[in-house]
């Protein structure tokens, strides 16, 4: 997708899904060839996707909050997202990178 014309002062949200090459204070290097320099960690929101999601996580999909639910079955487990209206959202219906983790259970 092409980057729209931007002007100084425009507010943007940039989403990058990549592997960390190096992390040091004020710098983050991602593969392939992406460098992020920042003054304060408060300027960045970084989500780890290694563990993806687990029971009890709350995520936002851009429209609503979703609760990660795991139910034991005879064959193992059935994992899905539960919406506030009670509807079930299956993993195939939502891209993990589009979800913003709001709360993680310890």
N, C-alpha and C. Protein backbone atom coordinates (compact mmCIF):
# COMPACT_ATOMS: atom_id res chain seq x y z
N UNK A 1 0.85 -1.16 0.00
CA UNK A 1 0.00 0.00 0.00
C UNK A 1 0.90 1.24 0.00
N UNK A 2 0.65 2.19 -0.89
CA UNK A 2 1.48 3.39 -0.93
C UNK A 2 1.25 4.27 0.30
N UNK A 3 2.30 4.99 0.70
CA UNK A 3 2.19 5.91 1.83
C UNK A 3 1.50 7.18 1.35
N UNK A 4 0.46 7.64 2.04
CA UNK A 4 -0.21 8.87 1.61
C UNK A 4 0.70 10.08 1.81
N UNK A 5 0.36 11.17 1.17
CA UNK A 5 1.14 12.41 1.34
C UNK A 5 1.02 12.86 2.79
N UNK A 6 2.15 13.05 3.43
CA UNK A 6 2.18 13.45 4.84
C UNK A 6 2.80 14.83 4.97
N UNK A 7 2.34 15.56 5.99
CA UNK A 7 2.88 16.89 6.28
C UNK A 7 3.34 16.93 7.73
N UNK A 8 4.31 17.79 8.04
CA UNK A 8 4.73 17.94 9.44
C UNK A 8 3.52 18.23 10.32
N UNK A 9 3.43 17.54 11.44
CA UNK A 9 2.32 17.72 12.37
C UNK A 9 1.19 16.71 12.19
N UNK A 10 1.18 15.99 11.05
CA UNK A 10 0.17 14.95 10.85
C UNK A 10 0.35 13.86 11.90
N UNK A 11 -0.74 13.36 12.44
CA UNK A 11 -0.67 12.24 13.39
C UNK A 11 -0.84 10.96 12.60
N UNK A 12 0.03 9.99 12.85
CA UNK A 12 -0.02 8.72 12.14
C UNK A 12 0.14 7.58 13.13
N UNK A 13 -0.29 6.42 12.71
CA UNK A 13 -0.05 5.17 13.44
C UNK A 13 0.63 4.25 12.44
N UNK A 14 1.84 3.82 12.77
CA UNK A 14 2.61 2.96 11.89
C UNK A 14 2.65 1.58 12.51
N UNK A 15 2.27 0.56 11.76
CA UNK A 15 2.29 -0.81 12.25
C UNK A 15 3.36 -1.57 11.47
N UNK A 16 4.31 -2.14 12.20
CA UNK A 16 5.39 -2.90 11.59
C UNK A 16 5.43 -4.26 12.27
N UNK A 17 5.34 -5.31 11.50
CA UNK A 17 5.50 -6.65 12.06
C UNK A 17 6.81 -7.18 11.54
N UNK A 18 7.77 -7.38 12.44
CA UNK A 18 9.12 -7.78 12.04
C UNK A 18 9.82 -8.48 13.19
N UNK A 19 10.99 -8.99 12.90
CA UNK A 19 11.82 -9.65 13.90
C UNK A 19 12.84 -8.66 14.44
N UNK A 20 13.06 -8.67 15.75
CA UNK A 20 14.03 -7.76 16.37
C UNK A 20 15.44 -8.27 16.08
N UNK A 21 16.26 -7.36 15.56
CA UNK A 21 17.68 -7.65 15.34
C UNK A 21 18.51 -7.17 16.53
N UNK A 22 18.17 -5.95 17.02
CA UNK A 22 18.93 -5.34 18.10
C UNK A 22 18.05 -4.33 18.82
N UNK A 23 18.22 -4.26 20.15
CA UNK A 23 17.50 -3.26 20.93
C UNK A 23 18.47 -2.66 21.93
N UNK A 24 18.57 -1.35 21.93
CA UNK A 24 19.38 -0.63 22.90
C UNK A 24 18.61 0.63 23.27
N UNK A 25 18.99 1.31 24.36
CA UNK A 25 18.25 2.51 24.75
C UNK A 25 18.15 3.52 23.60
N UNK A 26 16.94 3.86 23.24
CA UNK A 26 16.71 4.85 22.21
C UNK A 26 16.75 4.33 20.78
N UNK A 27 17.05 3.05 20.60
CA UNK A 27 17.13 2.50 19.24
C UNK A 27 16.56 1.09 19.18
N UNK A 28 15.90 0.81 18.08
CA UNK A 28 15.34 -0.50 17.83
C UNK A 28 15.61 -0.83 16.37
N UNK A 29 16.29 -1.95 16.14
CA UNK A 29 16.57 -2.38 14.78
C UNK A 29 15.76 -3.64 14.50
N UNK A 30 15.01 -3.60 13.41
CA UNK A 30 14.16 -4.71 13.02
C UNK A 30 14.61 -5.26 11.68
N UNK A 31 14.34 -6.53 11.44
CA UNK A 31 14.66 -7.13 10.14
C UNK A 31 13.43 -7.04 9.28
N UNK A 32 13.54 -6.71 8.05
CA UNK A 32 14.75 -6.35 7.31
C UNK A 32 14.94 -4.83 7.25
N UNK A 33 16.10 -4.34 7.62
CA UNK A 33 16.56 -2.96 7.44
C UNK A 33 15.58 -1.89 7.89
N UNK A 34 15.01 -2.04 9.06
CA UNK A 34 14.12 -1.02 9.62
C UNK A 34 14.73 -0.54 10.93
N UNK A 35 14.92 0.77 11.05
CA UNK A 35 15.53 1.35 12.23
C UNK A 35 14.57 2.36 12.84
N UNK A 36 14.37 2.27 14.15
CA UNK A 36 13.52 3.21 14.87
C UNK A 36 14.36 3.85 15.95
N UNK A 37 14.41 5.18 15.94
CA UNK A 37 15.13 5.94 16.95
C UNK A 37 14.09 6.72 17.75
N UNK A 38 14.20 6.69 19.08
CA UNK A 38 13.21 7.37 19.92
C UNK A 38 13.90 7.96 21.14
N UNK A 39 13.28 9.01 21.68
CA UNK A 39 13.83 9.66 22.87
C UNK A 39 13.34 8.99 24.15
N UNK A 40 12.08 8.56 24.15
CA UNK A 40 11.47 7.97 25.34
C UNK A 40 10.68 6.73 24.95
N UNK A 41 10.74 5.70 25.77
CA UNK A 41 9.96 4.51 25.50
C UNK A 41 8.46 4.80 25.57
N UNK A 42 8.09 5.89 26.21
CA UNK A 42 6.69 6.29 26.25
C UNK A 42 6.18 6.69 24.87
N UNK A 43 7.09 6.97 23.93
CA UNK A 43 6.71 7.36 22.58
C UNK A 43 6.31 6.16 21.72
N UNK A 44 6.60 4.95 22.18
CA UNK A 44 6.34 3.74 21.39
C UNK A 44 5.37 2.82 22.11
N UNK A 45 4.59 2.10 21.33
CA UNK A 45 3.79 1.00 21.85
C UNK A 45 4.28 -0.24 21.13
N UNK A 46 4.90 -1.15 21.88
CA UNK A 46 5.45 -2.37 21.28
C UNK A 46 4.71 -3.56 21.84
N UNK A 47 4.23 -4.41 20.95
CA UNK A 47 3.53 -5.63 21.36
C UNK A 47 4.32 -6.82 20.86
N UNK A 48 4.59 -7.78 21.74
CA UNK A 48 5.23 -9.02 21.33
C UNK A 48 4.21 -9.93 20.70
N UNK A 49 4.54 -10.51 19.57
CA UNK A 49 3.62 -11.44 18.94
C UNK A 49 4.09 -12.88 19.09
N UNK A 50 5.20 -13.07 19.81
CA UNK A 50 5.75 -14.41 19.99
C UNK A 50 4.73 -15.34 20.64
N UNK A 51 4.12 -14.90 21.71
CA UNK A 51 3.16 -15.74 22.42
C UNK A 51 1.75 -15.58 21.86
N UNK A 52 1.60 -14.70 20.93
CA UNK A 52 0.29 -14.33 20.41
C UNK A 52 -0.67 -14.12 21.57
N UNK A 53 -1.71 -14.92 21.69
CA UNK A 53 -2.72 -14.62 22.70
C UNK A 53 -3.02 -15.85 23.54
N UNK A 54 -3.41 -15.60 24.78
CA UNK A 54 -3.73 -16.70 25.68
C UNK A 54 -5.01 -16.39 26.46
N UNK A 55 -5.52 -17.40 27.14
CA UNK A 55 -6.76 -17.32 27.90
C UNK A 55 -6.79 -16.06 28.76
N UNK A 56 -7.87 -15.29 28.66
CA UNK A 56 -8.06 -14.11 29.50
C UNK A 56 -7.54 -12.81 28.91
N UNK A 57 -6.79 -12.86 27.81
CA UNK A 57 -6.32 -11.64 27.17
C UNK A 57 -7.50 -10.82 26.66
N UNK A 58 -7.37 -9.51 26.74
CA UNK A 58 -8.37 -8.61 26.17
C UNK A 58 -7.67 -7.81 25.08
N UNK A 59 -8.26 -7.82 23.88
CA UNK A 59 -7.69 -7.12 22.74
C UNK A 59 -8.76 -6.25 22.09
N UNK A 60 -8.30 -5.24 21.35
CA UNK A 60 -9.20 -4.34 20.62
C UNK A 60 -8.97 -4.55 19.14
N UNK A 61 -10.04 -4.76 18.38
CA UNK A 61 -9.90 -5.04 16.95
C UNK A 61 -10.20 -3.82 16.07
N UNK A 62 -10.29 -2.65 16.69
CA UNK A 62 -10.61 -1.44 15.94
C UNK A 62 -12.06 -1.03 16.07
N UNK A 63 -12.91 -1.97 16.50
CA UNK A 63 -14.34 -1.70 16.66
C UNK A 63 -14.83 -2.03 18.06
N UNK A 64 -14.24 -3.06 18.66
CA UNK A 64 -14.75 -3.56 19.94
C UNK A 64 -13.65 -4.28 20.69
N UNK A 65 -13.88 -4.48 21.98
CA UNK A 65 -12.96 -5.28 22.79
C UNK A 65 -13.35 -6.74 22.67
N UNK A 66 -12.34 -7.60 22.67
CA UNK A 66 -12.57 -9.04 22.57
C UNK A 66 -11.86 -9.75 23.71
N UNK A 67 -12.48 -10.79 24.26
CA UNK A 67 -11.90 -11.57 25.34
C UNK A 67 -11.46 -12.92 24.79
N UNK A 68 -10.18 -13.27 25.01
CA UNK A 68 -9.67 -14.56 24.56
C UNK A 68 -10.22 -15.64 25.47
N UNK A 69 -10.88 -16.61 24.88
CA UNK A 69 -11.54 -17.68 25.62
C UNK A 69 -11.02 -19.02 25.12
N UNK A 70 -10.72 -19.90 26.06
CA UNK A 70 -10.25 -21.25 25.72
C UNK A 70 -11.11 -22.23 26.49
N UNK A 71 -11.74 -23.16 25.76
CA UNK A 71 -12.61 -24.16 26.37
C UNK A 71 -12.02 -25.54 26.10
N UNK A 72 -11.85 -26.32 27.17
CA UNK A 72 -11.32 -27.68 27.01
C UNK A 72 -12.35 -28.54 26.29
N UNK A 73 -11.86 -29.32 25.33
CA UNK A 73 -12.72 -30.25 24.60
C UNK A 73 -12.11 -31.64 24.71
N UNK A 74 -12.81 -32.63 24.24
CA UNK A 74 -12.28 -33.99 24.27
C UNK A 74 -11.01 -34.15 23.44
N UNK A 75 -10.87 -33.31 22.41
CA UNK A 75 -9.71 -33.39 21.52
C UNK A 75 -8.59 -32.44 21.90
N UNK A 76 -8.76 -31.64 22.92
CA UNK A 76 -7.73 -30.66 23.30
C UNK A 76 -8.38 -29.40 23.81
N UNK A 77 -8.39 -28.34 22.98
CA UNK A 77 -8.98 -27.07 23.39
C UNK A 77 -9.53 -26.34 22.18
N UNK A 78 -10.56 -25.55 22.43
CA UNK A 78 -11.15 -24.68 21.41
C UNK A 78 -10.90 -23.25 21.85
N UNK A 79 -10.09 -22.53 21.08
CA UNK A 79 -9.75 -21.15 21.42
C UNK A 79 -10.45 -20.21 20.44
N UNK A 80 -11.02 -19.12 20.97
CA UNK A 80 -11.72 -18.14 20.15
C UNK A 80 -11.79 -16.83 20.91
N UNK A 81 -12.29 -15.81 20.25
CA UNK A 81 -12.51 -14.50 20.87
C UNK A 81 -14.00 -14.35 21.15
N UNK A 82 -14.34 -13.83 22.32
CA UNK A 82 -15.74 -13.55 22.67
C UNK A 82 -15.94 -12.04 22.63
N UNK A 83 -16.95 -11.60 21.87
CA UNK A 83 -17.29 -10.19 21.76
C UNK A 83 -18.28 -9.81 22.86
N UNK A 84 -18.38 -8.52 23.18
CA UNK A 84 -19.29 -8.09 24.26
C UNK A 84 -20.75 -8.49 24.03
N UNK A 85 -21.16 -8.62 22.78
CA UNK A 85 -22.55 -9.00 22.49
C UNK A 85 -22.76 -10.51 22.57
N UNK A 86 -21.70 -11.26 22.96
CA UNK A 86 -21.81 -12.70 23.10
C UNK A 86 -21.45 -13.48 21.84
N UNK A 87 -21.20 -12.77 20.76
CA UNK A 87 -20.84 -13.48 19.53
C UNK A 87 -19.42 -14.02 19.62
N UNK A 88 -19.16 -15.06 18.85
CA UNK A 88 -17.86 -15.71 18.81
C UNK A 88 -17.12 -15.26 17.56
N UNK A 89 -15.86 -14.87 17.73
CA UNK A 89 -15.02 -14.47 16.61
C UNK A 89 -13.88 -15.49 16.53
N UNK A 90 -13.85 -16.25 15.45
CA UNK A 90 -12.82 -17.27 15.25
C UNK A 90 -11.52 -16.64 14.77
N UNK A 91 -10.42 -17.31 15.04
CA UNK A 91 -9.11 -16.80 14.65
C UNK A 91 -9.03 -16.53 13.15
N UNK A 92 -9.67 -17.32 12.33
CA UNK A 92 -9.64 -17.14 10.89
C UNK A 92 -10.36 -15.86 10.45
N UNK A 93 -11.16 -15.27 11.35
CA UNK A 93 -11.93 -14.08 11.01
C UNK A 93 -11.21 -12.78 11.33
N UNK A 94 -10.08 -12.86 12.03
CA UNK A 94 -9.36 -11.65 12.44
C UNK A 94 -7.86 -11.89 12.31
N UNK A 95 -7.16 -10.91 11.75
CA UNK A 95 -5.70 -11.01 11.62
C UNK A 95 -5.06 -10.63 12.95
N UNK A 96 -4.15 -11.45 13.48
CA UNK A 96 -3.53 -11.15 14.78
C UNK A 96 -2.86 -9.78 14.82
N UNK A 97 -2.26 -9.36 13.70
CA UNK A 97 -1.57 -8.07 13.70
C UNK A 97 -2.52 -6.89 13.77
N UNK A 98 -3.82 -7.13 13.52
CA UNK A 98 -4.81 -6.04 13.61
C UNK A 98 -5.32 -5.86 15.04
N UNK A 99 -4.99 -6.77 15.93
CA UNK A 99 -5.45 -6.69 17.31
C UNK A 99 -4.45 -5.94 18.17
N UNK A 100 -4.95 -5.07 19.02
CA UNK A 100 -4.10 -4.35 19.97
C UNK A 100 -4.38 -4.92 21.36
N UNK A 101 -3.37 -5.51 21.96
CA UNK A 101 -3.51 -6.13 23.27
C UNK A 101 -3.73 -5.03 24.32
N UNK A 102 -4.84 -5.11 25.05
CA UNK A 102 -5.17 -4.14 26.07
C UNK A 102 -4.82 -4.63 27.47
N UNK A 103 -5.00 -5.93 27.69
CA UNK A 103 -4.76 -6.47 29.03
C UNK A 103 -4.35 -7.93 28.90
N UNK A 104 -3.35 -8.31 29.67
CA UNK A 104 -2.90 -9.71 29.67
C UNK A 104 -2.99 -10.23 31.10
N UNK A 105 -3.59 -11.41 31.25
CA UNK A 105 -3.69 -12.04 32.57
C UNK A 105 -2.32 -12.62 32.93
N UNK A 106 -1.92 -12.49 34.18
CA UNK A 106 -0.60 -13.05 34.59
C UNK A 106 -0.59 -14.57 34.56
